[in-house]
């Protein structure tokens, strides 16, 4: 009479491998989706920036428009930095 334990261990191992494969496939699929979302967001931000620059350049000149858009991005970067530092400090 053979023991069922080796077959049970082998079945459990195969089940764990199948679950891991499904989990990895879902994670890769989700990562690909986030890459597409990030790419489209960056392209959209570029077009919004160009439109804002052109509108400001027409209203106040190219130099001031470039200064305004550049400062807006610097302020945005500083806000993200403050949020990152606050989360890191554990507030």
Protein backbone atom coordinates (compact mmCIF):
# COMPACT_ATOMS: atom_id res chain seq x y z
CA UNK A 1 0.00 0.00 0.00
CA UNK A 2 1.50 3.28 -1.12
CA UNK A 3 1.36 6.43 0.96
CA UNK A 4 -0.69 9.34 -0.30
CA UNK A 5 1.61 11.87 1.32
CA UNK A 6 4.07 12.24 -1.61
CA UNK A 7 1.21 12.73 -4.06
CA UNK A 8 -0.40 15.28 -1.75
CA UNK A 9 2.87 17.20 -1.39
CA UNK A 10 3.38 17.17 -5.15
CA UNK A 11 -0.20 18.37 -5.75
CA UNK A 12 0.19 21.16 -3.20
CA UNK A 13 3.44 22.24 -4.83
CA UNK A 14 1.85 22.31 -8.29
CA UNK A 15 -1.11 24.27 -6.94
CA UNK A 16 1.24 26.81 -5.34
CA UNK A 17 3.14 27.13 -8.61
CA UNK A 18 -0.09 27.71 -10.53
CA UNK A 19 -1.21 30.37 -8.06
CA UNK A 20 2.18 32.08 -8.29
CA UNK A 21 2.02 32.05 -12.11
CA UNK A 22 -1.45 33.64 -12.10
CA UNK A 23 -0.31 36.26 -9.59
CA UNK A 24 2.75 37.16 -11.66
CA UNK A 25 0.67 37.36 -14.84
CA UNK A 26 -1.81 39.72 -13.15
CA UNK A 27 0.98 41.88 -11.77
CA UNK A 28 2.68 42.17 -15.18
CA UNK A 29 -0.65 43.00 -16.81
CA UNK A 30 -1.37 45.69 -14.22
CA UNK A 31 2.14 47.11 -14.58
CA UNK A 32 1.71 47.34 -18.34
CA UNK A 33 -1.58 49.16 -17.83
CA UNK A 34 0.08 51.66 -15.47
CA UNK A 35 2.89 52.24 -17.99
CA UNK A 36 0.32 53.10 -20.68
CA UNK A 37 -1.54 55.39 -18.27
CA UNK A 38 1.69 57.16 -17.29
CA UNK A 39 2.72 57.58 -20.94
CA UNK A 40 -0.64 59.07 -21.90
CA UNK A 41 -0.54 61.34 -18.86
CA UNK A 42 2.91 62.66 -19.77
CA UNK A 43 1.83 63.27 -23.38
CA UNK A 44 -1.28 65.07 -22.15
CA UNK A 45 0.76 67.18 -19.74
CA UNK A 46 3.07 68.12 -22.60
CA UNK A 47 0.18 69.31 -24.73
CA UNK A 48 -1.37 71.26 -21.85
CA UNK A 49 2.00 72.87 -21.18
CA UNK A 50 2.41 73.81 -24.84
CA UNK A 51 -1.09 75.26 -24.99
CA UNK A 52 -0.57 77.25 -21.80
CA UNK A 53 2.77 78.55 -23.05
CA UNK A 54 1.32 79.62 -26.40
CA UNK A 55 -1.60 81.38 -24.73
CA UNK A 56 0.66 83.15 -22.25
CA UNK A 57 3.18 84.05 -24.97
CA UNK A 58 0.44 85.67 -26.97
CA UNK A 59 -0.82 87.58 -23.94
CA UNK A 60 2.45 88.70 -22.32
CA UNK A 61 5.39 87.68 -24.48
CA UNK A 62 7.50 84.57 -24.83
CA UNK A 63 10.05 85.38 -22.11
CA UNK A 64 7.46 85.99 -19.42
CA UNK A 65 5.44 82.99 -20.55
CA UNK A 66 8.51 80.75 -20.25
CA UNK A 67 9.24 82.17 -16.80
CA UNK A 68 5.66 81.62 -15.68
CA UNK A 69 5.46 78.03 -16.95
CA UNK A 70 8.90 77.17 -15.54
CA UNK A 71 8.04 78.62 -12.14
CA UNK A 72 4.74 76.73 -12.11
CA UNK A 73 6.63 73.45 -12.64
CA UNK A 74 9.15 74.36 -9.93
CA UNK A 75 6.36 75.08 -7.45
CA UNK A 76 4.75 71.75 -8.36
CA UNK A 77 8.06 69.95 -7.81
CA UNK A 78 8.52 71.64 -4.44
CA UNK A 79 5.02 70.62 -3.36
CA UNK A 80 5.72 66.99 -4.28
CA UNK A 81 9.02 67.19 -2.39
CA UNK A 82 7.29 68.51 0.73
CA UNK A 83 4.68 65.75 0.57
CA UNK A 84 7.38 63.10 0.11
CA UNK A 85 9.41 64.46 3.05
CA UNK A 86 6.31 64.63 5.23
CA UNK A 87 5.41 61.00 4.51
CA UNK A 88 9.00 59.94 5.08
CA UNK A 89 9.11 61.68 8.45
CA UNK A 90 6.00 59.75 9.50
CA UNK A 91 3.62 62.62 10.05
